[in-house]
Amino acid sequence: MKNKRTPMFLAIVCLVGFTQTAVSEDTPVPRPEQPGNLSVWITGDPDDAVVDLSNGPALLLMGGSSEVDAAFRDQAFPILPGGDIVVIRASGSDGYNNYLYSQLTTGPNQPNSVETIRFARRNQSNSDYVEWVLNTAEMIWMAGGDQSRYVNYWYGTRVQTAMQAAWDRGAVIGGTSAGLAVLGGVVYDPDGVSAAQSDTVLQDPYDSSIQFSGPFIDIPWMEGIITDSHFAERDRMGRTLTFMARLAADGVVEAPRAIAIDERTSLFIDKDGLGTVLGQGAVYFMVEAPNVTRTVVAGTPLEYGPIRRWRLEAGDTINFTTGRISVQPMIINVDANESWPYSVDDPYARVEGSTESVWTLY
């Protein structure tokens, strides 16, 4: 874990070091002046819509590529009917604005506004304007891009403090690809290095491409979990299992878990911890099985397992409160000394049968 990044400590510092903009239904605070160096796009009504968030908070995770329309329309929007959505990103522009504002739904669940803020440097994350926008949002969505920029630009700033406050007041928080990456309880943070590749890190679990940062937001369902995206499409099973092995071997997480999501696929977790999958691909949930063993040594092929791996497809559920999952797990062992490192022919395959199972830690 990088010493320069201890976000939960930094979040405490933020709370001490900054005064949050007060938001009151009776005495609304006007929108501050937009900084001249900040790129902002607003679609819809720029005035704050006051919305009941008693059905939140909720978490919307996507694996990259095309968005899952139904996840926004049928799962997220009903939590924030007529509310304000804020998209934050470090590249791109207003591609989400019309899509989220008018292309998915009409009527009472249509957002009041969609505002995109693009950050180009860290000091833009501490303005009164950014804080006000995030503090009046009913949903905050993190676009894809480079999660290392998000770590560098947002951790320890008013963005991080406001994101935590949004979750705490019942907002929907979500992200895709890089936005998914920073929502884990541990964040894969390839700042200044090439992205980790399965073949490389299986042969050396201490390859320089593996770097971690701490959590961006304290979300109970994500404790001890590292996330990954573009999963089957980019053959990331090996790197995600290596991430888990490293986190355990280094003492960062006692019982590591992973949520990895295919492209065009989503996982929506409601306020009670019930996660439901939508989309064309799968969500993979992985935990160490009892009696797990690990050989995690620099320059030595990884040996790791057994790991329980669930593949959840559209309509399948995982309950982060009860531990119940609507599908059966696959057991995977890893021995990267072998030409095929997995103990199964296809580590991405679905286990047939619909009998409910339960995941537990040790």
Protein backbone atom coordinates (compact mmCIF):
# COMPACT_ATOMS: atom_id res chain seq x y z
CA MET A 1 0.00 0.00 0.00
CA LYS A 2 1.42 3.36 -0.98
CA ASN A 3 2.38 5.43 2.03
CA LYS A 4 1.32 8.65 0.35
CA ARG A 5 -2.25 7.43 0.14
CA THR A 6 -4.18 6.69 3.30
CA PRO A 7 -7.57 8.07 2.25
CA MET A 8 -9.63 7.35 5.37
CA PHE A 9 -7.08 9.29 7.42
CA LEU A 10 -7.13 11.97 4.76
CA ALA A 11 -10.91 12.09 4.89
CA ILE A 12 -10.66 12.91 8.60
CA VAL A 13 -8.12 15.61 7.80
CA CYS A 14 -10.51 16.98 5.19
CA LEU A 15 -13.31 17.19 7.70
CA VAL A 16 -11.07 19.14 10.04
CA GLY A 17 -9.41 21.28 7.40
CA PHE A 18 -12.45 22.40 5.40
CA THR A 19 -15.86 23.80 6.22
CA GLN A 20 -18.52 22.10 4.14
CA THR A 21 -21.13 24.18 2.36
CA ALA A 22 -24.36 23.94 4.32
CA VAL A 23 -27.38 22.74 2.38
CA SER A 24 -30.81 23.36 3.87
CA GLU A 25 -34.26 22.89 2.42
CA ASP A 26 -35.43 26.05 4.20
CA THR A 27 -32.45 28.29 3.40
CA PRO A 28 -30.80 26.95 0.25
CA VAL A 29 -27.26 28.11 -0.39
CA PRO A 30 -26.86 29.64 -3.86
CA ARG A 31 -24.53 28.07 -6.38
CA PRO A 32 -21.03 29.58 -5.94
CA GLU A 33 -19.24 31.18 -8.83
CA GLN A 34 -17.66 28.67 -11.20
CA PRO A 35 -13.85 28.80 -11.22
CA GLY A 36 -12.57 29.98 -14.56
CA ASN A 37 -10.20 27.05 -14.99
CA LEU A 38 -12.82 24.34 -14.37
CA SER A 39 -14.61 22.58 -17.26
CA VAL A 40 -18.32 22.23 -16.47
CA TRP A 41 -21.35 21.18 -18.55
CA ILE A 42 -24.91 21.46 -17.18
CA THR A 43 -28.02 19.95 -18.76
CA GLY A 44 -31.39 20.67 -17.16
CA ASP A 45 -32.27 22.91 -14.22
CA PRO A 46 -29.17 24.32 -12.47
CA ASP A 47 -31.13 24.98 -9.26
CA ASP A 48 -30.89 22.37 -6.53
CA ALA A 49 -33.76 19.88 -6.42
CA VAL A 50 -34.53 18.75 -2.87
CA VAL A 51 -35.27 15.01 -2.96
CA ASP A 52 -36.12 12.42 -0.31
CA LEU A 53 -33.21 9.95 -0.18
CA SER A 54 -34.67 7.63 2.44
CA ASN A 55 -34.43 4.69 -0.01
CA GLY A 56 -30.65 5.09 -0.27
CA PRO A 57 -27.75 4.91 -0.19
CA ALA A 58 -27.07 2.62 -3.09
CA LEU A 59 -24.04 1.59 -5.12
CA LEU A 60 -23.96 1.14 -8.91
CA LEU A 61 -20.91 -0.64 -10.34
CA MET A 62 -20.23 -1.17 -14.05
CA GLY A 63 -17.45 -3.01 -15.85
CA GLY A 64 -16.75 -0.63 -18.72
CA SER A 65 -17.62 -0.20 -22.41
CA SER A 66 -21.33 0.49 -23.02
CA GLU A 67 -23.49 1.45 -20.05
CA VAL A 68 -26.36 -0.72 -18.83
CA ASP A 69 -29.43 1.45 -19.46
CA ALA A 70 -31.75 -0.51 -17.19
CA ALA A 71 -29.40 -0.16 -14.24
CA PHE A 72 -29.74 3.62 -14.34
CA ARG A 73 -33.41 3.73 -15.35
CA ASP A 74 -34.87 0.93 -13.20
CA GLN A 75 -32.48 0.69 -10.26
CA ALA A 76 -30.72 4.00 -9.63
CA PHE A 77 -33.25 6.63 -10.76
CA PRO A 78 -36.09 5.44 -8.48
CA ILE A 79 -33.81 6.11 -5.48
CA LEU A 80 -33.45 9.78 -6.50
CA PRO A 81 -36.69 10.69 -8.31
CA GLY A 82 -36.20 14.03 -10.02
CA GLY A 83 -32.83 14.58 -8.34
CA ASP A 84 -29.56 16.06 -9.52
CA ILE A 85 -26.82 13.86 -11.00
CA VAL A 86 -23.17 14.88 -11.05
CA VAL A 87 -20.62 13.16 -13.30
CA ILE A 88 -16.98 13.61 -12.33
CA ARG A 89 -14.10 12.70 -14.60
CA ALA A 90 -10.52 13.59 -15.53
CA SER A 91 -10.85 13.29 -19.31
CA GLY A 92 -13.58 13.55 -21.93
CA SER A 93 -16.46 16.00 -21.78
CA ASP A 94 -20.27 15.95 -21.55
CA GLY A 95 -21.01 12.55 -23.08
CA TYR A 96 -23.22 11.49 -20.16
CA ASN A 97 -25.37 14.62 -19.97
CA ASN A 98 -28.08 14.02 -22.55
CA TYR A 99 -27.91 10.25 -22.03
CA LEU A 100 -28.71 10.46 -18.32
CA TYR A 101 -30.98 13.50 -18.53
CA SER A 102 -33.36 12.67 -21.35
CA GLN A 103 -32.55 9.42 -23.17
CA LEU A 104 -33.42 6.90 -20.45
CA THR A 105 -36.73 7.98 -18.93
CA THR A 106 -39.38 10.68 -18.63
CA GLY A 107 -41.81 11.47 -15.85
CA PRO A 108 -41.11 11.73 -12.12
CA ASN A 109 -37.87 9.74 -12.25
CA GLN A 110 -36.27 11.93 -14.90
CA PRO A 111 -33.33 13.78 -13.34
CA ASN A 112 -33.69 17.48 -12.57
CA SER A 113 -30.21 18.03 -13.98
CA VAL A 114 -27.02 16.34 -15.05
CA GLU A 115 -23.79 18.23 -14.45
CA THR A 116 -20.37 17.04 -15.60
CA ILE A 117 -17.19 18.35 -14.04
CA ARG A 118 -13.85 17.55 -15.63
CA PHE A 119 -10.80 17.90 -13.40
CA ALA A 120 -7.39 18.63 -14.89
CA ARG A 121 -5.43 19.12 -11.68
CA ARG A 122 -5.68 18.52 -7.96
CA ASN A 123 -6.25 22.11 -6.86
CA GLN A 124 -9.55 22.17 -8.74
CA SER A 125 -10.94 19.68 -6.21
CA ASN A 126 -11.03 22.17 -3.32
CA SER A 127 -13.23 24.94 -4.70
CA ASP A 128 -16.47 26.10 -3.10
CA TYR A 129 -18.17 25.44 -6.44
CA VAL A 130 -17.19 21.77 -6.63
CA GLU A 131 -18.12 21.23 -2.99
CA TRP A 132 -21.56 22.82 -3.49
CA VAL A 133 -22.32 20.77 -6.59
CA LEU A 134 -21.40 17.49 -4.89
CA ASN A 135 -23.21 18.42 -1.68
CA THR A 136 -26.44 19.03 -3.59
CA ALA A 137 -26.24 15.86 -5.70
CA GLU A 138 -28.54 12.89 -5.32
CA MET A 139 -26.28 10.74 -7.50
CA ILE A 140 -22.55 10.98 -8.21
CA TRP A 141 -21.18 8.99 -11.13
CA MET A 142 -17.47 8.49 -11.88
CA ALA A 143 -16.71 8.02 -15.56
CA GLY A 144 -14.06 5.74 -17.00
CA GLY A 145 -10.51 6.89 -17.57
CA ASP A 146 -7.40 6.53 -15.42
CA GLN A 147 -8.03 5.75 -11.76
CA SER A 148 -4.56 6.98 -10.83
CA ARG A 149 -5.65 10.48 -11.87
CA TYR A 150 -8.68 10.11 -9.63
CA VAL A 151 -6.45 9.12 -6.73
CA ASN A 152 -4.06 11.99 -7.40
CA TYR A 153 -6.75 14.62 -8.00
CA TRP A 154 -9.43 13.70 -5.45
CA TYR A 155 -8.00 11.85 -2.44
CA GLY A 156 -7.63 14.11 0.58
CA THR A 157 -9.66 16.94 -0.97
CA ARG A 158 -13.17 18.34 -0.65
CA VAL A 159 -14.22 15.97 -3.43
CA GLN A 160 -13.49 13.00 -1.21
CA THR A 161 -15.20 14.56 1.80
CA ALA A 162 -18.28 15.45 -0.25
CA MET A 163 -18.45 11.97 -1.78
CA GLN A 164 -18.46 10.40 1.67
CA ALA A 165 -21.13 12.87 2.82
CA ALA A 166 -23.25 12.00 -0.23
CA TRP A 167 -23.12 8.31 0.63
CA ASP A 168 -23.90 9.02 4.27
CA ARG A 169 -27.02 11.06 3.39
CA GLY A 170 -28.41 8.35 1.09
CA ALA A 171 -27.24 9.25 -2.41
CA VAL A 172 -26.46 6.80 -5.20
CA ILE A 173 -22.72 6.48 -5.81
CA GLY A 174 -21.37 4.69 -8.85
CA GLY A 175 -18.73 4.35 -11.50
CA THR A 176 -17.56 2.41 -14.52
CA SER A 177 -14.07 1.11 -15.34
CA ALA A 178 -11.73 3.56 -13.55
CA GLY A 179 -14.76 4.81 -11.62
CA LEU A 180 -15.38 1.24 -10.48
CA ALA A 181 -11.74 0.82 -9.48
CA VAL A 182 -11.81 3.59 -6.87
CA LEU A 183 -14.95 2.22 -5.20
CA GLY A 184 -13.23 -0.84 -3.79
CA GLY A 185 -12.13 -1.16 -0.19
CA VAL A 186 -8.65 -1.36 -1.72
CA VAL A 187 -7.81 0.40 -4.99
CA TYR A 188 -5.52 -0.90 -7.72
CA ASP A 189 -3.56 2.25 -8.53
CA PRO A 190 -1.07 1.90 -11.43
CA ASP A 191 0.29 5.42 -11.02
CA GLY A 192 3.30 5.88 -13.30
CA VAL A 193 3.59 2.20 -14.29
CA SER A 194 2.14 -0.02 -16.98
CA ALA A 195 -1.14 -1.77 -16.21
CA ALA A 196 -0.79 -5.20 -14.65
CA GLN A 197 -1.20 -8.14 -17.05
CA SER A 198 -2.29 -11.59 -15.88
CA ASP A 199 0.57 -13.51 -17.53
CA THR A 200 3.18 -11.18 -16.02
CA VAL A 201 1.96 -10.94 -12.45
CA LEU A 202 1.20 -14.66 -12.17
CA GLN A 203 4.89 -15.27 -12.81
CA ASP A 204 5.95 -12.55 -10.35
CA PRO A 205 3.30 -11.37 -7.88
CA TYR A 206 5.64 -8.54 -6.85
CA ASP A 207 5.94 -7.16 -10.36
CA SER A 208 6.20 -3.36 -10.31
CA SER A 209 2.86 -3.03 -12.10
CA ILE A 210 1.02 -3.90 -8.86
CA GLN A 211 0.41 -0.88 -6.62
CA PHE A 212 -2.44 -0.29 -4.18
CA SER A 213 -4.06 2.69 -2.49
CA GLY A 214 -6.57 2.76 0.32
CA PRO A 215 -10.33 3.29 -0.03
CA PHE A 216 -11.79 6.48 -1.46
CA ILE A 217 -15.17 6.14 0.29
CA ASP A 218 -16.08 4.13 3.37
CA ILE A 219 -18.80 1.82 2.03
CA PRO A 220 -19.58 -1.14 4.32
CA TRP A 221 -20.34 -3.56 1.47
CA MET A 222 -16.91 -2.95 -0.07
CA GLU A 223 -14.71 -3.54 2.97
CA GLY A 224 -11.79 -5.82 2.08
CA ILE A 225 -12.81 -5.92 -1.59
CA ILE A 226 -10.70 -5.03 -4.60
CA THR A 227 -12.49 -4.42 -7.90
CA ASP A 228 -11.60 -5.02 -11.53
CA SER A 229 -13.28 -4.20 -14.84
CA HIS A 230 -13.23 -5.27 -18.52
CA PHE A 231 -12.76 -8.62 -16.86
CA ALA A 232 -13.23 -11.59 -19.19
CA GLU A 233 -12.67 -9.41 -22.26
CA ARG A 234 -9.12 -8.56 -21.13
CA ASP A 235 -8.44 -11.89 -19.38
CA ARG A 236 -7.92 -10.35 -15.96
CA MET A 237 -8.61 -13.42 -13.83
CA GLY A 238 -4.91 -13.98 -13.17
CA ARG A 239 -4.21 -10.41 -12.14
CA THR A 240 -7.25 -10.18 -9.85
CA LEU A 241 -6.32 -13.40 -8.06
CA THR A 242 -2.76 -12.09 -7.77
CA PHE A 243 -4.11 -8.86 -6.26
CA MET A 244 -5.96 -10.91 -3.65
CA ALA A 245 -2.90 -13.00 -2.85
CA ARG A 246 -0.73 -9.91 -2.47
CA LEU A 247 -3.21 -8.16 -0.19
CA ALA A 248 -3.29 -11.17 2.11
CA ALA A 249 0.45 -11.85 2.01
CA ASP A 250 1.29 -8.21 2.74
CA GLY A 251 -1.16 -8.03 5.62
CA VAL A 252 -3.24 -5.29 3.96
CA VAL A 253 -6.47 -7.33 4.12
CA GLU A 254 -6.85 -10.37 6.33
CA ALA A 255 -9.51 -12.00 4.18
CA PRO A 256 -9.39 -10.43 0.69
CA ARG A 257 -12.31 -10.55 -1.69
CA ALA A 258 -12.81 -9.34 -5.24
CA ILE A 259 -15.64 -8.06 -7.41
CA ALA A 260 -14.74 -8.21 -11.10
CA ILE A 261 -17.19 -7.12 -13.79
CA ASP A 262 -17.37 -7.78 -17.51
CA GLU A 263 -18.03 -5.03 -20.01
CA ARG A 264 -21.67 -3.97 -20.57
CA THR A 265 -22.54 -5.41 -17.13
CA SER A 266 -23.60 -3.87 -13.82
CA LEU A 267 -24.02 -4.71 -10.17
CA PHE A 268 -26.49 -2.57 -8.19
CA ILE A 269 -26.33 -2.84 -4.39
CA ASP A 270 -29.28 -1.38 -2.50
CA LYS A 271 -29.35 0.10 1.00
CA ASP A 272 -29.93 -3.35 2.52
CA GLY A 273 -26.88 -4.85 0.82
CA LEU A 274 -28.73 -6.81 -1.87
CA GLY A 275 -26.80 -6.77 -5.14
CA THR A 276 -28.49 -7.53 -8.45
CA VAL A 277 -26.75 -8.10 -11.78
CA LEU A 278 -27.91 -6.68 -15.10
CA GLY A 279 -26.37 -6.60 -18.57
CA GLN A 280 -24.80 -8.83 -21.16
CA GLY A 281 -21.84 -10.25 -19.25
CA ALA A 282 -21.12 -11.45 -15.73
CA VAL A 283 -20.06 -10.29 -12.29
CA TYR A 284 -17.46 -12.47 -10.58
CA PHE A 285 -17.24 -12.58 -6.80
CA MET A 286 -14.18 -14.25 -5.28
CA VAL A 287 -13.16 -15.16 -1.73
CA GLU A 288 -10.49 -17.35 -0.23
CA ALA A 289 -11.79 -20.77 0.78
CA PRO A 290 -10.99 -22.32 4.17
CA ASN A 291 -7.48 -23.80 4.41
CA VAL A 292 -6.18 -21.49 1.69
CA THR A 293 -2.45 -21.58 1.07
CA ARG A 294 -0.33 -18.94 -0.60
CA THR A 295 3.14 -18.88 -2.13
CA VAL A 296 3.56 -15.18 -2.80
CA VAL A 297 7.27 -14.49 -3.31
CA ALA A 298 9.00 -11.90 -5.48
CA GLY A 299 10.24 -13.43 -8.73
CA THR A 300 8.48 -16.75 -8.04
CA PRO A 301 5.34 -18.02 -9.82
CA LEU A 302 2.18 -17.65 -7.75
CA GLU A 303 0.67 -20.64 -5.97
CA TYR A 304 -2.68 -19.81 -4.42
CA GLY A 305 -5.90 -21.49 -3.42
CA PRO A 306 -8.44 -22.77 -3.08
CA ILE A 307 -10.51 -19.76 -4.14
CA ARG A 308 -14.29 -19.80 -4.36
CA ARG A 309 -15.46 -17.92 -7.47
CA TRP A 310 -19.09 -17.16 -8.27
CA ARG A 311 -20.23 -16.09 -11.74
CA LEU A 312 -23.43 -14.06 -11.57
CA GLU A 313 -25.40 -13.15 -14.68
CA ALA A 314 -28.44 -10.94 -15.34
CA GLY A 315 -31.02 -11.42 -12.59
CA ASP A 316 -28.65 -13.22 -10.21
CA THR A 317 -28.20 -11.76 -6.73
CA ILE A 318 -25.63 -11.51 -3.97
CA ASN A 319 -26.55 -10.31 -0.50
CA PHE A 320 -23.70 -8.54 1.28
CA THR A 321 -25.64 -8.62 4.56
CA THR A 322 -26.56 -12.30 4.72
CA GLY A 323 -23.84 -13.70 2.44
CA ARG A 324 -26.36 -15.51 0.27
CA ILE A 325 -25.71 -15.88 -3.46
CA SER A 326 -28.23 -17.22 -5.97
CA VAL A 327 -25.69 -19.40 -7.82
CA GLN A 328 -23.12 -22.05 -6.98
CA PRO A 329 -19.36 -21.35 -6.78
CA MET A 330 -16.47 -22.76 -8.74
CA ILE A 331 -13.34 -23.79 -6.83
CA ILE A 332 -10.11 -22.52 -8.40
CA ASN A 333 -6.51 -23.21 -7.46
CA VAL A 334 -3.62 -21.36 -9.07
CA ASP A 335 -0.19 -22.83 -9.80
CA ALA A 336 1.67 -20.53 -12.16
CA ASN A 337 4.54 -23.03 -12.42
CA GLU A 338 2.30 -24.95 -14.83
CA SER A 339 1.73 -23.97 -18.47
CA TRP A 340 -1.98 -23.59 -17.65
CA PRO A 341 -2.05 -21.92 -14.23
CA TYR A 342 -5.62 -22.77 -13.23
CA SER A 343 -7.03 -26.00 -11.83
CA VAL A 344 -10.10 -25.68 -14.11
CA ASP A 345 -10.37 -25.59 -17.88
CA ASP A 346 -12.23 -22.26 -17.93
CA PRO A 347 -11.96 -20.02 -14.85
CA TYR A 348 -14.69 -17.76 -16.28
CA ALA A 349 -17.30 -20.49 -16.79
CA ARG A 350 -20.66 -20.59 -15.04
CA VAL A 351 -21.38 -23.47 -12.67
CA GLU A 352 -24.66 -25.06 -13.70
CA GLY A 353 -27.46 -25.27 -11.19
CA SER A 354 -29.38 -22.57 -9.37
CA THR A 355 -29.15 -23.77 -5.78
CA GLU A 356 -28.50 -20.88 -3.46
CA SER A 357 -25.12 -20.83 -1.73
CA VAL A 358 -23.55 -18.80 1.05
CA TRP A 359 -20.15 -17.14 1.13
CA THR A 360 -18.40 -16.83 4.45
CA LEU A 361 -14.98 -15.74 5.58
CA TYR A 362 -12.80 -18.08 7.60
